[in-house]
Protein backbone atom coordinates (compact mmCIF):
# COMPACT_ATOMS: atom_id res chain seq x y z
CA UNK A 1 23.07 -13.74 51.23
CA UNK A 2 24.28 -10.61 49.13
CA UNK A 3 25.97 -13.14 46.98
CA UNK A 4 22.80 -15.50 46.77
CA UNK A 5 20.78 -12.45 46.31
CA UNK A 6 23.07 -11.07 43.18
CA UNK A 7 22.59 -14.69 41.81
CA UNK A 8 19.04 -14.50 41.80
CA UNK A 9 19.00 -11.10 40.23
CA UNK A 10 21.43 -12.33 37.50
CA UNK A 11 19.07 -15.38 36.86
CA UNK A 12 16.29 -13.41 36.55
CA UNK A 13 17.37 -10.59 34.19
CA UNK A 14 18.61 -14.02 31.80
CA UNK A 15 14.95 -14.89 32.32
CA UNK A 16 13.51 -12.00 31.52
CA UNK A 17 15.37 -11.31 28.50
CA UNK A 18 14.90 -14.55 26.77
CA UNK A 19 11.37 -14.22 27.69
CA UNK A 20 11.33 -10.92 26.00
CA UNK A 21 13.30 -11.97 22.83
CA UNK A 22 11.09 -14.93 22.57
CA UNK A 23 7.80 -12.79 22.81
CA UNK A 24 9.94 -10.20 19.64
CA UNK A 25 10.37 -13.28 17.90
CA UNK A 26 6.61 -14.68 18.44
CA UNK A 27 5.30 -11.19 17.26
CA UNK A 28 5.52 -8.95 13.93
CA UNK A 29 4.61 -5.57 14.75
CA UNK A 30 3.67 -3.37 11.70
CA UNK A 31 2.90 -0.12 11.61
CA UNK A 32 0.70 0.46 8.12
CA UNK A 33 -2.19 2.47 7.05
CA UNK A 34 -5.84 1.87 8.09
CA UNK A 35 -7.28 -1.48 5.80
CA UNK A 36 -3.90 -2.55 5.24
CA UNK A 37 -4.05 -5.02 6.99
CA UNK A 38 -7.40 -6.87 6.98
CA UNK A 39 -8.79 -9.23 9.61
CA UNK A 40 -9.00 -11.70 7.32
CA UNK A 41 -5.60 -11.71 5.69
CA UNK A 42 -4.27 -11.44 9.48
CA UNK A 43 -6.02 -14.43 10.52
CA UNK A 44 -5.19 -16.18 7.50
CA UNK A 45 -1.18 -15.33 7.89
CA UNK A 46 -1.31 -16.60 11.65
CA UNK A 47 -2.59 -20.01 10.81
CA UNK A 48 -0.08 -20.14 8.05
CA UNK A 49 2.88 -19.27 10.78
CA UNK A 50 1.57 -20.93 13.78
CA UNK A 51 3.18 -19.56 17.40
CA UNK A 52 3.45 -15.78 15.01
CA UNK A 53 1.18 -13.21 15.87
CA UNK A 54 0.42 -9.86 14.48
CA UNK A 55 0.03 -6.81 15.99
CA UNK A 56 -1.08 -3.73 13.92
CA UNK A 57 -0.63 0.19 14.62
CA UNK A 58 -2.52 1.96 11.98
CA UNK A 59 -0.93 5.19 10.95
CA UNK A 60 -0.41 8.02 8.15
CA UNK A 61 3.00 9.29 6.77
CA UNK A 62 3.65 12.02 8.65
CA UNK A 63 2.62 9.96 11.82
CA UNK A 64 5.07 6.99 10.68
CA UNK A 65 8.03 9.14 10.36
CA UNK A 66 7.48 10.68 13.56
CA UNK A 67 7.26 7.71 15.23
CA UNK A 68 10.28 5.69 13.88
CA UNK A 69 12.27 8.94 14.58
CA UNK A 70 11.22 9.34 18.30
CA UNK A 71 12.27 5.75 18.91
CA UNK A 72 15.27 5.63 16.78
CA UNK A 73 13.73 3.19 14.14
CA UNK A 74 12.36 0.65 17.34
CA UNK A 75 9.20 -0.57 18.35
CA UNK A 76 8.19 -1.97 14.83
CA UNK A 77 9.29 -4.84 12.51
CA UNK A 78 7.57 -3.49 9.21
CA UNK A 79 6.43 0.18 8.23
CA UNK A 80 4.54 1.05 5.19
CA UNK A 81 5.48 4.84 3.78
CA UNK A 82 4.98 6.09 0.70
CA UNK A 83 8.03 5.98 -1.95
CA UNK A 84 8.73 9.63 -1.37
CA UNK A 85 9.16 9.13 2.36
CA UNK A 86 12.07 6.96 2.69
CA UNK A 87 15.21 8.60 1.13
CA UNK A 88 15.06 12.12 3.02
CA UNK A 89 13.92 10.46 6.40
CA UNK A 90 17.11 7.64 6.24
CA UNK A 91 19.39 10.08 5.37
CA UNK A 92 18.47 12.54 8.40
CA UNK A 93 17.27 10.19 10.79
CA UNK A 94 18.33 6.53 9.62
CA UNK A 95 15.60 4.93 10.82
CA UNK A 96 15.36 2.07 7.95
CA UNK A 97 17.84 -0.90 7.58
CA UNK A 98 18.85 -2.28 4.06
CA UNK A 99 16.52 -4.81 2.37
CA UNK A 100 17.46 -8.52 1.60
CA UNK A 101 15.77 -8.47 -2.11
CA UNK A 102 17.04 -12.07 -2.07
CA UNK A 103 14.17 -12.94 0.65
CA UNK A 104 11.69 -11.26 -1.20
CA UNK A 105 9.59 -12.73 -4.01
CA UNK A 106 10.31 -9.38 -6.29
CA UNK A 107 9.51 -11.75 -9.52
CA UNK A 108 6.06 -11.45 -8.26
CA UNK A 109 5.56 -7.76 -8.26
CA UNK A 110 5.43 -5.06 -10.78
CA UNK A 111 8.66 -4.47 -12.63
CA UNK A 112 8.46 -1.08 -13.60
CA UNK A 113 7.08 0.20 -10.24
CA UNK A 114 10.20 -2.25 -8.52
CA UNK A 115 12.35 -0.06 -10.48
CA UNK A 116 11.02 3.04 -9.40
CA UNK A 117 10.87 2.50 -6.22
CA UNK A 118 14.40 1.31 -6.39
CA UNK A 119 15.30 4.48 -7.75
CA UNK A 120 13.70 6.32 -5.09
CA UNK A 121 15.00 4.65 -2.14
CA UNK A 122 18.30 3.51 -2.96
CA UNK A 123 21.00 5.02 -1.00
CA UNK A 124 24.89 4.31 -1.01
CA UNK A 125 23.89 1.25 -3.52
CA UNK A 126 21.30 -0.06 -1.04
CA UNK A 127 17.64 -0.72 -1.23
CA UNK A 128 15.88 0.81 1.86
CA UNK A 129 11.91 -0.56 -0.07
CA UNK A 130 9.70 -2.53 -2.42
CA UNK A 131 6.48 -1.31 -3.60
CA UNK A 132 3.24 -2.91 -2.19
CA UNK A 133 -0.07 -1.00 -2.97
CA UNK A 134 -0.29 2.32 -5.35
CA UNK A 135 -2.48 4.92 -6.38
CA UNK A 136 -3.45 8.83 -7.15
CA UNK A 137 -5.24 11.46 -5.48
CA UNK A 138 -7.32 13.87 -7.44
CA UNK A 139 -10.98 14.50 -7.14
CA UNK A 140 -14.14 13.30 -6.33
CA UNK A 141 -17.57 14.46 -7.86
CA UNK A 142 -21.08 13.87 -7.73
CA UNK A 143 -21.30 14.04 -11.42
CA UNK A 144 -25.35 14.79 -11.45
CA UNK A 145 -24.49 17.43 -9.57
CA UNK A 146 -21.11 18.73 -10.78
CA UNK A 147 -20.88 17.18 -14.19
CA UNK A 148 -18.26 19.64 -15.31
CA UNK A 149 -15.77 19.34 -12.85
CA UNK A 150 -12.28 18.71 -13.77
CA UNK A 151 -9.82 20.48 -11.70
CA UNK A 152 -8.23 21.10 -8.40
CA UNK A 153 -9.69 24.68 -8.85
CA UNK A 154 -13.11 23.58 -8.97
CA UNK A 155 -13.17 22.83 -5.18
CA UNK A 156 -12.91 26.73 -4.86
CA UNK A 157 -15.37 27.52 -7.51
CA UNK A 158 -18.18 29.78 -6.05
CA UNK A 159 -21.21 27.59 -7.82
CA UNK A 160 -20.58 24.94 -5.41
CA UNK A 161 -19.82 27.14 -2.67
CA UNK A 162 -21.00 25.19 1.03
CA UNK A 163 -20.91 21.81 -1.43
CA UNK A 164 -16.96 21.07 -1.50
CA UNK A 165 -14.05 19.63 1.03
CA UNK A 166 -10.83 18.79 1.03
CA UNK A 167 -7.96 17.98 3.81
CA UNK A 168 -5.70 19.87 5.33
CA UNK A 169 -2.76 18.02 3.97
CA UNK A 170 0.50 18.54 2.06
CA UNK A 171 -1.55 16.88 -0.87
CA UNK A 172 -4.22 19.68 -1.49
CA UNK A 173 -0.77 22.19 -1.17
CA UNK A 174 0.61 20.33 -4.15
CA UNK A 175 -2.41 20.26 -6.29
CA UNK A 176 -3.48 23.64 -5.96
CA UNK A 177 0.03 24.26 -7.26
CA UNK A 178 -0.34 22.79 -10.15
CA UNK A 179 -3.57 24.31 -10.89
CA UNK A 180 -2.11 27.50 -10.53
CA UNK A 181 0.35 26.74 -13.50
CA UNK A 182 3.55 25.72 -10.85
CA UNK A 183 5.09 22.69 -10.69
CA UNK A 184 6.06 22.08 -6.76
CA UNK A 185 8.44 18.70 -7.92
CA UNK A 186 10.39 20.88 -9.93
CA UNK A 187 10.79 23.59 -6.85
CA UNK A 188 12.36 21.25 -4.38
CA UNK A 189 16.03 22.14 -4.74
CA UNK A 190 15.12 25.92 -4.64
CA UNK A 191 13.99 26.48 -1.16
CA UNK A 192 13.31 29.97 -1.92
CA UNK A 193 11.01 29.42 -4.97
CA UNK A 194 9.32 26.65 -3.23
CA UNK A 195 8.74 28.95 -0.27
CA UNK A 196 7.38 31.57 -3.17
CA UNK A 197 5.18 28.48 -4.47
CA UNK A 198 3.86 28.11 -1.06
CA UNK A 199 2.57 31.69 -0.60
CA UNK A 200 0.76 31.79 -3.63
CA UNK A 201 -1.12 28.34 -2.64
CA UNK A 202 -1.27 29.70 0.97
CA UNK A 203 -3.23 32.90 -0.18
CA UNK A 204 -5.38 30.76 -2.48
CA UNK A 205 -6.55 28.13 0.02
CA UNK A 206 -7.11 30.79 2.65
CA UNK A 207 -9.80 32.78 0.26
CA UNK A 208 -10.88 28.91 -0.61
CA UNK A 209 -12.22 28.63 3.17
CA UNK A 210 -15.48 30.40 2.43
CA UNK A 211 -16.15 28.10 -0.12
CA UNK A 212 -15.95 24.69 1.44
CA UNK A 213 -18.45 22.94 3.67
CA UNK A 214 -15.49 21.11 5.74
CA UNK A 215 -11.84 19.65 6.00
CA UNK A 216 -12.24 16.08 6.12
CA UNK A 217 -9.81 14.30 8.29
CA UNK A 218 -10.28 10.56 7.57
CA UNK A 219 -11.97 8.28 4.58
CA UNK A 220 -14.80 7.54 6.73
CA UNK A 221 -16.04 11.23 7.17
CA UNK A 222 -15.84 12.08 3.58
CA UNK A 223 -17.47 9.15 2.28
CA UNK A 224 -20.20 10.12 4.68
CA UNK A 225 -20.51 13.36 3.41
CA UNK A 226 -20.67 12.65 -0.13
CA UNK A 227 -23.23 9.41 0.45
CA UNK A 228 -25.33 12.17 2.05
CA UNK A 229 -25.26 15.11 -0.53
CA UNK A 230 -23.64 17.91 2.27
CA UNK A 231 -20.48 17.24 -0.57
CA UNK A 232 -20.70 16.75 -4.10
CA UNK A 233 -16.73 17.60 -4.68
CA UNK A 234 -13.96 16.91 -3.23
CA UNK A 235 -9.85 15.90 -3.18
CA UNK A 236 -9.78 12.35 -2.26
CA UNK A 237 -7.80 9.17 -2.49
CA UNK A 238 -9.03 7.37 -5.72
CA UNK A 239 -9.93 4.58 -3.07
CA UNK A 240 -12.34 6.01 -1.17
CA UNK A 241 -14.31 7.09 -4.42
CA UNK A 242 -13.54 4.06 -5.87
CA UNK A 243 -15.58 2.46 -2.46
CA UNK A 244 -18.32 4.72 -3.02
CA UNK A 245 -19.23 4.00 -6.69
CA UNK A 246 -20.41 0.66 -5.77
CA UNK A 247 -23.17 2.65 -3.76
CA UNK A 248 -23.74 5.39 -6.05
CA UNK A 249 -22.89 5.57 -9.54
CA UNK A 250 -23.16 8.91 -9.93
CA UNK A 251 -20.28 9.31 -7.67
CA UNK A 252 -16.58 9.19 -9.43
CA UNK A 253 -12.91 9.76 -9.37
CA UNK A 254 -11.83 12.83 -11.59
CA UNK A 255 -8.25 12.77 -12.29
CA UNK A 256 -7.55 16.75 -12.64
CA UNK A 257 -6.92 17.72 -15.76
CA UNK A 258 -3.47 18.86 -14.81
CA UNK A 259 -2.63 15.04 -13.75
CA UNK A 260 -3.81 13.23 -10.34
CA UNK A 261 -0.77 12.71 -8.01
CA UNK A 262 0.43 9.36 -7.99
CA UNK A 263 1.68 7.45 -4.97
CA UNK A 264 3.11 4.11 -4.58
CA UNK A 265 2.87 2.58 -0.31
CA UNK A 266 5.90 0.77 0.05
CA UNK A 267 7.50 -2.13 2.66
CA UNK A 268 10.14 -0.85 4.39
CA UNK A 269 12.20 -2.70 7.80
CA UNK A 270 12.89 -0.01 10.32
CA UNK A 271 16.24 -0.08 11.47
CA UNK A 272 15.56 -1.42 14.98
CA UNK A 273 13.14 -4.23 13.98
CA UNK A 274 13.33 -7.39 15.64
CA UNK A 275 12.02 -9.65 13.42
CA UNK A 276 13.10 -9.16 10.10
CA UNK A 277 11.98 -13.05 9.69
CA UNK A 278 8.99 -12.55 10.00
CA UNK A 279 8.78 -8.77 7.79
CA UNK A 280 9.78 -10.89 5.04
CA UNK A 281 7.05 -14.02 5.41
CA UNK A 282 4.31 -10.97 5.25
CA UNK A 283 5.85 -9.08 2.51
CA UNK A 284 5.55 -12.50 0.36
CA UNK A 285 2.48 -13.46 1.93
CA UNK A 286 0.15 -10.30 0.80
CA UNK A 287 1.61 -10.46 -3.05
CA UNK A 288 0.37 -13.65 -3.45
CA UNK A 289 -2.47 -13.33 -5.90
CA UNK A 290 -5.67 -14.95 -3.96
CA UNK A 291 -4.10 -12.90 -1.06
CA UNK A 292 -4.03 -9.38 -3.36
CA UNK A 293 -8.06 -10.13 -4.19
CA UNK A 294 -8.51 -9.53 -0.14
CA UNK A 295 -6.43 -7.06 0.69
CA UNK A 296 -7.45 -4.87 -2.80
CA UNK A 297 -10.82 -5.57 -1.24
CA UNK A 298 -10.09 -4.05 1.49
CA UNK A 299 -7.66 -1.05 0.34
CA UNK A 300 -9.72 -0.27 -2.82
CA UNK A 301 -6.21 0.38 -4.46
CA UNK A 302 -4.00 -1.30 -7.11
CA UNK A 303 -1.22 -3.39 -5.94
CA UNK A 304 2.05 -3.38 -7.19
CA UNK A 305 1.79 -6.91 -9.55
CA UNK A 306 1.13 -7.34 -12.91
CA UNK A 307 -2.80 -7.04 -14.21
CA UNK A 308 -3.62 -6.00 -10.80
CA UNK A 309 -6.26 -4.41 -11.85
CA UNK A 310 -8.00 -8.05 -12.67
CA UNK A 311 -7.52 -8.77 -9.35
CA UNK A 312 -9.98 -6.02 -7.95
CA UNK A 313 -13.61 -7.14 -6.85
CA UNK A 314 -15.94 -6.50 -9.67
CA UNK A 315 -17.61 -3.28 -8.40
CA UNK A 316 -13.55 -1.53 -7.99
CA UNK A 317 -12.81 -2.38 -11.11
CA UNK A 318 -15.84 -1.24 -13.15
CA UNK A 319 -14.93 2.26 -10.91
CA UNK A 320 -10.85 2.70 -12.08
CA UNK A 321 -12.38 1.91 -15.81
CA UNK A 322 -15.08 4.87 -14.93
CA UNK A 323 -12.50 6.82 -13.57
CA UNK A 324 -9.01 6.48 -16.07
CA UNK A 325 -8.54 7.17 -19.62
CA UNK A 326 -4.81 6.03 -20.94
CA UNK A 327 -4.47 9.82 -21.43
CA UNK A 328 -4.74 10.34 -17.59
CA UNK A 329 -2.90 7.38 -16.66
CA UNK A 330 -0.21 8.87 -19.10
CA UNK A 331 -0.42 12.12 -17.81
CA UNK A 332 0.20 11.01 -13.84
CA UNK A 333 2.39 12.80 -11.48
CA UNK A 334 4.20 10.53 -9.14
CA UNK A 335 5.52 11.89 -5.89
CA UNK A 336 9.04 13.11 -6.08
CA UNK A 337 11.51 12.62 -3.38
CA UNK A 338 10.78 14.90 -0.33
CA UNK A 339 13.94 17.15 0.22
CA UNK A 340 14.72 17.77 4.04
CA UNK A 341 13.08 20.93 5.46
CA UNK A 342 10.32 20.77 2.76
CA UNK A 343 7.85 19.51 5.09
CA UNK A 344 9.20 22.12 7.75
CA UNK A 345 7.60 24.45 5.11
CA UNK A 346 4.80 23.08 4.18
CA UNK A 347 3.48 22.75 8.23
CA UNK A 348 3.81 26.35 8.52
CA UNK A 349 1.91 26.98 5.22
CA UNK A 350 -1.13 24.54 6.34
CA UNK A 351 -0.96 26.12 9.76
CA UNK A 352 -2.08 29.71 8.35
CA UNK A 353 -4.57 28.61 6.58
CA UNK A 354 -6.16 26.61 9.35
CA UNK A 355 -5.58 29.76 11.64
CA UNK A 356 -6.81 32.42 8.95
CA UNK A 357 -10.51 33.02 9.76
CA UNK A 358 -13.24 32.42 7.29
C-alpha cells in the first residue's frame, strides 16, 4: 500500500506539473501601466490567438521594480517599466532577461527611440528593452485662469494659492530642481552633490505646501480637480492634459521653460517569465498601426512608431499641436538612467516633505 501510495502521489505531482505548465503556456501575464492594456485590444489579441488568455496587473515604475525584486523576476511574462528603470535594477536585482530582437518587429518602431532605449538598457552587449509609448511630464494650466504659467515654479506662486496641485513623486523633485537652476541628471554620479540638491528642493516644496489645494495620486482625481475648476495649475503627464483638452479647450499642457521631462515606457521580459513566445506576440501586435490607434486612444500618449501623431485621435492630435512648438521638442529633458541609491535618497526627501507641517 505504501508503494502504491507513493506511485499515486508521484503520478499526481506529474499531472499537477503538467497542468501548471499548460496554464502558464496559455496565459500572458502583463505588468503594466493603467490604460496600456485596453479591453478592446486584449479581446482582439485573444481572438487572434485562440486559447491564449491575457492577465493584466496595473502598476507604476516603483511598484513594478518592487514586485519583480520581491519575486526574483517571477510572476509576470511581460513588464513595462520606463527606460530609466531597467539598467540599475538589472545590475542590482537581476530581474529581467535579455531580449531576442530577432523576434521583435523593431523595423516598425521609431529608429531614434529604439537606439535611445538600447543605449539605456544594454548590459554586457545584451539588450533588455525596446520602446512602446513615450511622453512628457510638465505642467497643465487652465489658460483662462493662469494664462502666464510657464514654469514648475509657478505651482508655488502665491497668486495661485489654493488652486495648484502636484504629485508627491520623484518627477516634482526633478522639475523643481530644474526650475531652481540645477540639473539633477548631471549630479547623479555625485551622491553628496545630489543630496545637497535634494535638501534645497525639499525646503522649497515644504514651503510650497501652503500653496497647494491638494496632492493628486492618479490621473482620474487630477482630471476631476481640473474640470471642476478647484485646481487651475498642476504638475501632470502630458497625456492627462491631452485627454482634458477634448472636454475643455482652455486646459492645455505647458512644457516648462526649462524643458519638459521626457520618458519612454518600454517592453521588458522578467527573468522568471514563463511565456516569452506570447510576450513577443503581444509586442508585435500592439505596434501594428491599426492597433496603435486603439492603444493611443486609451493612453493619450505617442507610440514609439514613425508618424505616431498621425495615429492619435483627432482631439488628442489637436492637443499635441496646441502644447508643443518645435523649440519645446528640441528642449526635452529625457530621464537619465537612475544609479543605485538615488531613489532611496529621493524617497527620504519625499517623506520629509509629506511629514512637514503646512
